[in-house]
Amino acid sequence: MISELEALIADRKANPKEGSYTNHLFDKGLEKIAQKVGEEGVEVVIAAALQSNARVISESADLIYHLLVLLAEKGVTLAEVEAELRKRHQPD
């Protein structure tokens, strides 16, 4: 599902759709997108500390979505992030 969402976000970037929240974020630019990632990160922390697991799941979904928009805006792919994670977890 995350790869499908990444593809949808990339499509919105390449083929803007009127009324799309994703395109609204792209139109606002990197600073606004980064701000949203920060806000969603804080909401995940608050949910984890004080709220239900359902709220943690919901806020985590928001964070992942906004992070994918940020990555698309920067021209970074999930494959690149995955490669970094693999590199960090290779035996020494």
N, C-alpha and C. Protein backbone atom coordinates (compact mmCIF):
# COMPACT_ATOMS: atom_id res chain seq x y z
N MET A 1 0.81 -1.20 0.00
CA MET A 1 0.00 0.00 0.00
C MET A 1 0.86 1.27 0.00
N ILE A 2 1.97 1.25 0.72
CA ILE A 2 2.81 2.45 0.77
C ILE A 2 3.41 2.74 -0.60
N SER A 3 3.82 1.70 -1.32
CA SER A 3 4.35 1.90 -2.68
C SER A 3 3.27 2.43 -3.61
N GLU A 4 2.04 1.95 -3.44
CA GLU A 4 0.93 2.45 -4.25
C GLU A 4 0.67 3.93 -3.96
N LEU A 5 0.75 4.30 -2.68
CA LEU A 5 0.56 5.70 -2.29
C LEU A 5 1.69 6.56 -2.86
N GLU A 6 2.92 6.05 -2.81
CA GLU A 6 4.04 6.78 -3.39
C GLU A 6 3.78 7.03 -4.88
N ALA A 7 3.29 6.02 -5.58
CA ALA A 7 3.00 6.16 -7.02
C ALA A 7 1.89 7.18 -7.26
N LEU A 8 0.85 7.15 -6.44
CA LEU A 8 -0.24 8.11 -6.58
C LEU A 8 0.25 9.54 -6.36
N ILE A 9 1.08 9.72 -5.34
CA ILE A 9 1.64 11.05 -5.07
C ILE A 9 2.50 11.52 -6.24
N ALA A 10 3.33 10.63 -6.78
CA ALA A 10 4.15 10.98 -7.94
C ALA A 10 3.28 11.36 -9.13
N ASP A 11 2.18 10.65 -9.31
CA ASP A 11 1.27 10.96 -10.40
C ASP A 11 0.63 12.33 -10.20
N ARG A 12 0.25 12.65 -8.98
CA ARG A 12 -0.33 13.97 -8.70
C ARG A 12 0.68 15.08 -8.97
N LYS A 13 1.94 14.81 -8.68
CA LYS A 13 2.99 15.81 -8.93
C LYS A 13 3.16 16.02 -10.43
N ALA A 14 3.14 14.93 -11.18
CA ALA A 14 3.32 15.02 -12.64
C ALA A 14 2.06 15.48 -13.36
N ASN A 15 0.89 15.11 -12.80
CA ASN A 15 -0.40 15.41 -13.44
C ASN A 15 -1.34 16.00 -12.40
N PRO A 16 -1.16 17.28 -12.10
CA PRO A 16 -1.99 17.89 -11.04
C PRO A 16 -3.48 17.71 -11.30
N LYS A 17 -4.20 17.52 -10.20
CA LYS A 17 -5.64 17.34 -10.28
C LYS A 17 -6.29 18.42 -9.42
N GLU A 18 -7.20 19.16 -10.02
CA GLU A 18 -7.88 20.24 -9.31
C GLU A 18 -8.58 19.70 -8.07
N GLY A 19 -8.40 20.40 -6.96
CA GLY A 19 -9.04 20.01 -5.71
C GLY A 19 -8.26 18.98 -4.91
N SER A 20 -7.13 18.53 -5.42
CA SER A 20 -6.32 17.51 -4.74
C SER A 20 -5.56 18.13 -3.58
N TYR A 21 -5.68 17.52 -2.39
CA TYR A 21 -4.92 17.98 -1.23
C TYR A 21 -3.42 17.81 -1.49
N THR A 22 -3.05 16.75 -2.16
CA THR A 22 -1.64 16.52 -2.48
C THR A 22 -1.12 17.67 -3.34
N ASN A 23 -1.87 18.06 -4.34
CA ASN A 23 -1.44 19.18 -5.18
C ASN A 23 -1.44 20.49 -4.41
N HIS A 24 -2.35 20.64 -3.48
CA HIS A 24 -2.34 21.83 -2.61
C HIS A 24 -1.01 21.90 -1.86
N LEU A 25 -0.56 20.77 -1.33
CA LEU A 25 0.72 20.76 -0.62
C LEU A 25 1.86 21.10 -1.56
N PHE A 26 1.89 20.47 -2.74
CA PHE A 26 2.96 20.78 -3.69
C PHE A 26 2.96 22.26 -4.06
N ASP A 27 1.77 22.82 -4.23
CA ASP A 27 1.67 24.24 -4.57
C ASP A 27 2.21 25.14 -3.46
N LYS A 28 2.04 24.71 -2.21
CA LYS A 28 2.52 25.50 -1.07
C LYS A 28 4.03 25.43 -0.92
N GLY A 29 4.64 24.36 -1.41
CA GLY A 29 6.10 24.29 -1.42
C GLY A 29 6.70 23.49 -0.28
N LEU A 30 8.01 23.35 -0.38
CA LEU A 30 8.76 22.50 0.54
C LEU A 30 8.62 22.92 2.00
N GLU A 31 8.65 24.20 2.26
CA GLU A 31 8.56 24.66 3.65
C GLU A 31 7.25 24.21 4.30
N LYS A 32 6.13 24.36 3.60
CA LYS A 32 4.83 23.95 4.13
C LYS A 32 4.77 22.43 4.28
N ILE A 33 5.30 21.71 3.31
CA ILE A 33 5.29 20.25 3.38
C ILE A 33 6.10 19.79 4.59
N ALA A 34 7.28 20.37 4.78
CA ALA A 34 8.12 20.01 5.92
C ALA A 34 7.42 20.35 7.23
N GLN A 35 6.74 21.46 7.27
CA GLN A 35 5.98 21.84 8.46
C GLN A 35 4.91 20.80 8.78
N LYS A 36 4.21 20.32 7.75
CA LYS A 36 3.18 19.30 7.96
C LYS A 36 3.78 18.00 8.49
N VAL A 37 4.96 17.61 7.98
CA VAL A 37 5.62 16.41 8.49
C VAL A 37 5.92 16.59 9.98
N GLY A 38 6.42 17.75 10.35
CA GLY A 38 6.71 18.02 11.75
C GLY A 38 5.45 17.98 12.61
N GLU A 39 4.39 18.59 12.15
CA GLU A 39 3.13 18.60 12.89
C GLU A 39 2.61 17.18 13.08
N GLU A 40 2.65 16.40 12.02
CA GLU A 40 2.15 15.02 12.11
C GLU A 40 3.03 14.17 13.03
N GLY A 41 4.34 14.42 13.02
CA GLY A 41 5.23 13.71 13.92
C GLY A 41 4.90 13.98 15.37
N VAL A 42 4.63 15.23 15.68
CA VAL A 42 4.24 15.61 17.05
C VAL A 42 2.92 14.94 17.41
N GLU A 43 1.98 14.91 16.47
CA GLU A 43 0.69 14.27 16.74
C GLU A 43 0.84 12.77 17.00
N VAL A 44 1.78 12.12 16.34
CA VAL A 44 2.05 10.70 16.61
C VAL A 44 2.58 10.54 18.03
N VAL A 45 3.49 11.40 18.42
CA VAL A 45 4.06 11.33 19.77
C VAL A 45 2.98 11.53 20.83
N ILE A 46 2.13 12.52 20.63
CA ILE A 46 1.05 12.78 21.59
C ILE A 46 0.09 11.60 21.64
N ALA A 47 -0.27 11.07 20.49
CA ALA A 47 -1.17 9.92 20.45
C ALA A 47 -0.55 8.73 21.17
N ALA A 48 0.73 8.49 20.96
CA ALA A 48 1.40 7.35 21.59
C ALA A 48 1.43 7.51 23.11
N ALA A 49 1.62 8.71 23.57
CA ALA A 49 1.75 8.95 25.00
C ALA A 49 0.41 9.03 25.72
N LEU A 50 -0.61 9.52 25.03
CA LEU A 50 -1.84 9.88 25.74
C LEU A 50 -3.14 9.31 25.17
N GLN A 51 -3.09 8.71 24.01
CA GLN A 51 -4.32 8.33 23.35
C GLN A 51 -4.34 6.84 23.00
N SER A 52 -5.39 6.43 22.35
CA SER A 52 -5.60 5.02 22.02
C SER A 52 -4.72 4.57 20.86
N ASN A 53 -4.59 3.26 20.72
CA ASN A 53 -3.87 2.70 19.58
C ASN A 53 -4.51 3.09 18.26
N ALA A 54 -5.83 3.20 18.24
CA ALA A 54 -6.51 3.63 17.02
C ALA A 54 -6.04 5.02 16.60
N ARG A 55 -5.85 5.88 17.58
CA ARG A 55 -5.37 7.24 17.29
C ARG A 55 -3.92 7.20 16.81
N VAL A 56 -3.11 6.34 17.41
CA VAL A 56 -1.72 6.18 16.97
C VAL A 56 -1.68 5.73 15.51
N ILE A 57 -2.54 4.79 15.17
CA ILE A 57 -2.60 4.28 13.79
C ILE A 57 -3.00 5.40 12.83
N SER A 58 -4.03 6.14 13.19
CA SER A 58 -4.51 7.23 12.34
C SER A 58 -3.44 8.31 12.14
N GLU A 59 -2.81 8.71 13.22
CA GLU A 59 -1.79 9.76 13.12
C GLU A 59 -0.56 9.24 12.38
N SER A 60 -0.23 7.96 12.55
CA SER A 60 0.91 7.39 11.83
C SER A 60 0.64 7.37 10.33
N ALA A 61 -0.58 7.06 9.94
CA ALA A 61 -0.95 7.10 8.52
C ALA A 61 -0.78 8.51 7.96
N ASP A 62 -1.22 9.51 8.74
CA ASP A 62 -1.04 10.90 8.31
C ASP A 62 0.44 11.25 8.15
N LEU A 63 1.25 10.80 9.11
CA LEU A 63 2.69 11.09 9.05
C LEU A 63 3.33 10.43 7.83
N ILE A 64 3.00 9.17 7.58
CA ILE A 64 3.58 8.47 6.43
C ILE A 64 3.18 9.16 5.13
N TYR A 65 1.91 9.54 5.01
CA TYR A 65 1.45 10.24 3.81
C TYR A 65 2.25 11.53 3.60
N HIS A 66 2.34 12.35 4.64
CA HIS A 66 3.03 13.63 4.50
C HIS A 66 4.53 13.43 4.24
N LEU A 67 5.13 12.40 4.83
CA LEU A 67 6.53 12.10 4.56
C LEU A 67 6.71 11.71 3.09
N LEU A 68 5.79 10.92 2.55
CA LEU A 68 5.87 10.56 1.14
C LEU A 68 5.75 11.79 0.24
N VAL A 69 4.91 12.74 0.60
CA VAL A 69 4.81 13.98 -0.17
C VAL A 69 6.14 14.73 -0.10
N LEU A 70 6.73 14.79 1.08
CA LEU A 70 8.03 15.46 1.24
C LEU A 70 9.10 14.78 0.39
N LEU A 71 9.15 13.46 0.43
CA LEU A 71 10.13 12.75 -0.38
C LEU A 71 9.93 13.03 -1.86
N ALA A 72 8.68 13.03 -2.31
CA ALA A 72 8.40 13.32 -3.72
C ALA A 72 8.83 14.74 -4.08
N GLU A 73 8.58 15.67 -3.21
CA GLU A 73 8.98 17.06 -3.47
C GLU A 73 10.50 17.17 -3.59
N LYS A 74 11.22 16.38 -2.80
CA LYS A 74 12.68 16.39 -2.83
C LYS A 74 13.26 15.50 -3.92
N GLY A 75 12.41 14.71 -4.60
CA GLY A 75 12.89 13.81 -5.63
C GLY A 75 13.58 12.57 -5.07
N VAL A 76 13.18 12.20 -3.86
CA VAL A 76 13.73 11.02 -3.19
C VAL A 76 12.69 9.91 -3.25
N THR A 77 13.12 8.69 -3.53
CA THR A 77 12.20 7.56 -3.63
C THR A 77 12.26 6.70 -2.38
N LEU A 78 11.20 5.92 -2.19
CA LEU A 78 11.20 4.95 -1.11
C LEU A 78 12.32 3.93 -1.29
N ALA A 79 12.62 3.59 -2.51
CA ALA A 79 13.71 2.65 -2.79
C ALA A 79 15.03 3.18 -2.23
N GLU A 80 15.24 4.47 -2.33
CA GLU A 80 16.47 5.06 -1.79
C GLU A 80 16.48 4.99 -0.26
N VAL A 81 15.34 5.23 0.34
CA VAL A 81 15.23 5.15 1.80
C VAL A 81 15.44 3.70 2.24
N GLU A 82 14.82 2.76 1.53
CA GLU A 82 14.99 1.35 1.84
C GLU A 82 16.45 0.92 1.70
N ALA A 83 17.14 1.41 0.68
CA ALA A 83 18.56 1.08 0.50
C ALA A 83 19.38 1.58 1.68
N GLU A 84 19.06 2.75 2.17
CA GLU A 84 19.76 3.29 3.35
C GLU A 84 19.50 2.42 4.56
N LEU A 85 18.26 1.99 4.73
CA LEU A 85 17.94 1.11 5.87
C LEU A 85 18.68 -0.22 5.77
N ARG A 86 18.74 -0.78 4.56
CA ARG A 86 19.47 -2.04 4.36
C ARG A 86 20.95 -1.87 4.70
N LYS A 87 21.52 -0.74 4.22
CA LYS A 87 22.94 -0.46 4.47
C LYS A 87 23.21 -0.38 5.97
N ARG A 88 22.31 0.22 6.72
CA ARG A 88 22.50 0.38 8.17
C ARG A 88 22.40 -0.94 8.92
N HIS A 89 21.73 -1.91 8.33
CA HIS A 89 21.47 -3.15 9.04
C HIS A 89 22.24 -4.35 8.48
N GLN A 90 23.27 -4.07 7.70
CA GLN A 90 24.13 -5.14 7.23
C GLN A 90 25.11 -5.51 8.34
N PRO A 91 25.41 -6.79 8.45
CA PRO A 91 26.40 -7.19 9.47
C PRO A 91 27.75 -6.55 9.20
N ASP A 92 28.42 -6.19 10.25
CA ASP A 92 29.76 -5.57 10.13
C ASP A 92 30.81 -6.58 9.76
